[in-house]
Protein backbone atom coordinates (compact mmCIF):
# COMPACT_ATOMS: atom_id res chain seq x y z
CA MET A 1 0.02 -0.04 0.09
CA PHE A 2 1.43 3.50 -1.12
CA ALA A 3 4.43 1.59 -2.57
CA ASP A 4 4.20 3.79 -5.62
CA PHE A 5 4.72 6.91 -3.60
CA GLY A 6 7.72 5.57 -1.92
CA VAL A 7 6.45 4.15 1.14
CA ILE A 8 7.77 0.72 2.36
CA ASN A 9 5.96 -1.81 4.45
CA PHE A 10 3.05 0.48 5.34
CA TRP A 11 1.17 -1.97 7.65
CA THR A 12 4.29 -2.68 9.68
CA TYR A 13 4.73 1.09 10.02
CA LEU A 14 1.05 1.50 11.07
CA ILE A 15 1.39 -0.96 13.86
CA GLY A 16 4.71 0.22 15.04
CA ALA A 17 3.44 3.92 14.97
CA THR A 18 0.37 3.01 17.07
CA LEU A 19 2.47 1.23 19.66
CA ILE A 20 4.94 4.19 19.89
CA VAL A 21 2.04 6.77 20.36
CA LEU A 22 0.34 4.61 22.95
CA ALA A 23 3.43 4.22 24.99
CA PRO A 24 3.51 6.60 27.96
CA GLY A 25 5.71 9.59 27.57
CA PRO A 26 6.03 13.30 28.46
CA GLU A 27 3.65 14.30 25.77
CA THR A 28 0.95 12.07 27.00
CA MET A 29 1.30 13.36 30.60
CA PHE A 30 1.15 17.06 29.33
CA VAL A 31 -2.02 16.42 27.52
CA ILE A 32 -3.52 14.74 30.57
CA LYS A 33 -2.29 17.49 32.94
CA THR A 34 -3.54 20.25 30.63
CA SER A 35 -6.94 18.62 30.15
CA ILE A 36 -7.53 17.89 33.91
CA SER A 37 -6.29 21.47 34.90
CA SER A 38 -7.76 23.56 32.10
CA GLY A 39 -10.50 21.57 30.35
CA ILE A 40 -11.13 20.10 27.06
CA LYS A 41 -10.34 23.28 24.82
CA ARG A 42 -7.08 23.70 26.31
CA GLY A 43 -6.45 19.97 26.20
CA PHE A 44 -6.81 20.18 22.35
CA ALA A 45 -4.42 23.14 22.50
CA ALA A 46 -1.88 20.81 23.99
CA ILE A 47 -2.52 18.30 21.26
CA PHE A 48 -2.14 21.05 18.64
CA SER A 49 1.20 21.94 20.11
CA ILE A 50 2.56 18.40 19.79
CA LEU A 51 1.33 18.05 16.13
CA LEU A 52 2.87 21.31 15.33
CA SER A 53 6.25 20.03 16.91
CA ASP A 54 5.82 16.87 14.86
CA VAL A 55 5.45 18.87 11.63
CA ILE A 56 8.72 20.60 12.49
CA LEU A 57 10.51 17.26 13.25
CA VAL A 58 9.24 15.75 9.91
CA PHE A 59 10.57 18.82 8.06
CA LEU A 60 13.94 18.54 9.86
CA ALA A 61 14.11 14.81 8.97
CA TRP A 62 13.21 15.37 5.26
CA CYS A 63 16.10 18.05 5.15
CA GLY A 64 18.58 15.69 6.95
CA LEU A 65 18.97 18.14 9.76
CA ALA A 66 17.71 15.49 12.32
CA THR A 67 20.50 13.21 11.29
CA VAL A 68 23.06 15.87 11.74
CA ILE A 69 21.83 16.63 15.15
CA SER A 70 21.91 12.88 16.20
CA SER A 71 25.37 12.42 14.79
CA SER A 72 26.74 15.23 16.89
CA PRO A 73 27.09 14.06 20.62
CA ALA A 74 27.55 17.38 22.09
CA LEU A 75 24.57 18.88 20.37
CA PHE A 76 22.30 15.85 21.06
CA ASN A 77 23.28 15.72 24.78
CA ALA A 78 22.54 19.34 25.05
CA ILE A 79 19.09 18.91 23.77
CA GLN A 80 18.63 16.03 26.11
CA TYR A 81 19.80 17.75 29.18
CA ALA A 82 17.59 20.77 28.33
CA GLY A 83 14.52 18.39 27.89
CA ALA A 84 15.35 16.68 31.38
CA ALA A 85 15.63 20.10 32.95
CA TYR A 86 12.29 21.30 31.51
CA LEU A 87 10.45 18.17 32.45
CA PHE A 88 11.89 18.49 35.91
CA TYR A 89 10.70 22.05 36.13
CA LEU A 90 7.15 21.02 34.82
CA GLY A 91 7.09 18.25 37.53
CA LEU A 92 8.28 20.46 40.30
CA GLN A 93 5.90 23.29 39.44
CA THR A 94 2.91 20.72 39.31
CA ILE A 95 3.68 19.36 42.69
CA CYS A 96 4.09 22.83 44.22
CA ASP A 97 0.66 23.56 43.18
CA VAL A 98 -0.54 20.91 45.70
CA PHE A 99 0.66 23.14 48.61
CA LYS A 100 -0.55 26.46 47.33
CA PRO A 101 -3.77 27.99 48.89
CA ALA A 102 -6.80 27.24 46.91
CA VAL A 103 -7.39 30.75 45.65
CA GLU A 104 -3.64 31.08 44.70
CA ALA A 105 -3.77 27.79 42.69
CA CYS A 106 -7.01 28.77 41.01
CA GLU A 107 -5.43 32.16 39.86
CA GLU A 108 -2.39 30.48 38.61
CA ARG A 109 -4.39 27.87 36.61
CA LYS A 110 -6.21 30.77 34.90
CA VAL A 111 -2.83 32.29 33.88
CA ASN A 112 -1.29 28.85 32.79
CA ALA A 113 -4.62 28.11 30.70
CA ASP A 114 -3.61 30.76 28.09
CA GLY A 115 -3.70 29.11 24.67
CA ARG A 116 -0.24 30.54 23.52
CA ARG A 117 1.37 29.60 26.83
CA ILE A 118 0.20 25.96 26.47
CA ILE A 119 1.11 25.70 22.90
CA GLY A 120 4.63 27.01 23.85
CA ARG A 121 5.02 24.57 26.62
CA GLY A 122 3.87 21.52 24.61
CA MET A 123 6.23 22.46 21.80
CA LEU A 124 9.12 22.47 24.21
CA VAL A 125 8.12 19.21 25.70
CA THR A 126 8.12 17.58 22.29
CA LEU A 127 11.11 19.27 20.70
CA LEU A 128 13.37 18.85 23.74
CA ASN A 129 12.66 15.24 23.85
CA PRO A 130 15.51 13.58 21.82
CA LYS A 131 13.59 10.22 21.73
CA THR A 132 11.10 11.86 19.46
CA LEU A 133 13.88 13.06 17.33
CA LEU A 134 15.35 9.53 17.14
CA PHE A 135 11.95 8.32 16.18
CA TYR A 136 12.10 10.27 12.97
CA ILE A 137 15.50 9.03 12.24
CA SER A 138 15.62 5.34 13.29
CA PHE A 139 12.01 4.27 12.82
CA PHE A 140 10.25 6.76 10.50
CA ALA A 141 12.84 6.85 7.80
CA GLN A 142 12.96 3.08 7.59
CA PHE A 143 9.67 3.13 5.75
CA ILE A 144 10.69 5.61 3.14
CA ASN A 145 12.29 4.72 -0.16
CA VAL A 146 14.73 7.70 -0.52
CA HIS A 147 15.37 6.68 -4.14
CA ALA A 148 11.80 7.11 -5.14
CA GLU A 149 11.10 9.96 -7.60
CA ASP A 150 8.97 11.91 -5.15
CA SER A 151 10.19 10.55 -1.79
CA TRP A 152 8.77 13.72 -0.21
CA VAL A 153 5.21 12.33 -0.80
CA ALA A 154 6.06 9.37 1.40
CA PHE A 155 7.11 11.68 4.24
CA ILE A 156 3.69 13.50 3.87
CA ILE A 157 1.72 10.08 3.97
CA LEU A 158 3.55 8.47 7.01
CA ALA A 159 3.50 11.89 8.77
CA ALA A 160 -0.33 12.10 8.12
CA VAL A 161 -0.91 8.62 9.60
CA MET A 162 1.16 9.56 12.53
CA PHE A 163 -0.85 12.74 13.12
CA ALA A 164 -4.10 10.82 12.84
CA ILE A 165 -3.08 8.22 15.49
CA THR A 166 -1.81 11.09 17.81
CA LEU A 167 -4.93 13.04 17.34
CA LEU A 168 -7.19 10.16 18.02
CA TYR A 169 -5.48 8.92 21.12
CA PHE A 170 -4.46 12.21 22.62
CA GLY A 171 -8.06 13.46 21.93
CA PHE A 172 -9.32 10.42 24.02
CA LEU A 173 -7.14 11.40 26.73
CA ALA A 174 -8.14 15.03 26.59
CA PHE A 175 -11.74 13.99 26.87
CA CYS A 176 -11.01 11.71 29.77
CA GLY A 177 -9.12 14.50 31.51
CA SER A 178 -12.05 16.90 30.91
CA TYR A 179 -14.35 14.35 32.44
CA LEU A 180 -12.00 13.90 35.56
CA ILE A 181 -12.00 17.72 36.14
CA SER A 182 -15.76 17.70 36.10
CA ARG A 183 -15.68 15.00 38.81
CA LEU A 184 -12.92 16.58 40.88
CA LYS A 185 -14.43 19.97 41.16
CA GLY A 186 -14.58 21.02 44.78
CA ASN A 187 -12.62 17.95 46.00
CA ARG A 188 -9.34 19.47 46.96
CA ARG A 189 -7.78 16.10 48.22
CA LEU A 190 -8.27 14.24 45.07
CA SER A 191 -7.15 17.14 42.92
CA ALA A 192 -3.99 17.35 45.09
CA ILE A 193 -3.38 13.59 44.62
CA GLY A 194 -3.74 13.84 40.99
CA ASN A 195 -1.20 16.80 40.63
CA ALA A 196 1.21 14.96 42.79
CA LEU A 197 1.01 11.83 40.62
CA VAL A 198 1.44 13.88 37.29
CA GLY A 199 4.35 15.91 38.70
CA THR A 200 5.95 12.59 39.91
CA PHE A 201 5.66 11.34 36.31
CA PHE A 202 7.17 14.41 34.94
CA ILE A 203 10.16 14.08 37.10
CA GLY A 204 10.50 10.40 36.41
CA PHE A 205 10.68 11.23 32.76
CA SER A 206 13.21 13.83 33.52
CA ALA A 207 15.28 11.41 35.49
CA ARG A 208 15.17 8.88 32.68
CA LEU A 209 16.31 11.50 30.15
CA ALA A 210 19.20 12.68 32.43
CA SER A 211 20.47 9.14 33.17
CA ALA A 212 20.39 8.35 29.52
CA THR A 213 23.03 10.98 28.73
CA SER A 214 25.59 9.53 31.23
């Protein structure tokens, strides 16, 4: 399927891409956190930020810049450490929200619910995750016949499939998060437990990224 457009082993790619999207990661937790704290609309703003970042990474892979980055240990490690630091910051900030007075926490959530702020944060979470970069080099590129006459079409097809899977799954998570916020309204204890868990996950992902550079 799509072999005439330079796509190799499409069904294998579809299965692999689905499993990769379903695997828990920083982007998953970011969508859940945003949906729970700010509602369904902001949850989809978080999803948009991830898809926008993926567009940039696909373009970098097509231009060959992604390979250049991965082949430079210093640059790759710099991105990895920056990503670990940013995830740690998000995790610490989320946990700190647990100990803030209800009024102060509410006001901060309103500030953080700004659409542009969410998109900026989501893009940082994705673009500073070197595993996402490696995906477009080590996995994504394996299913493209670079010798095809219009290999760029294969990039578009595979990227569109990845975007569709991401939108469906993360959209489901956003709806679940929105449902949770409707159930947790007024329950300070459960909200605090949720924030603590999400923050712990962010810090855990941060530790994994940092340890991978050593």
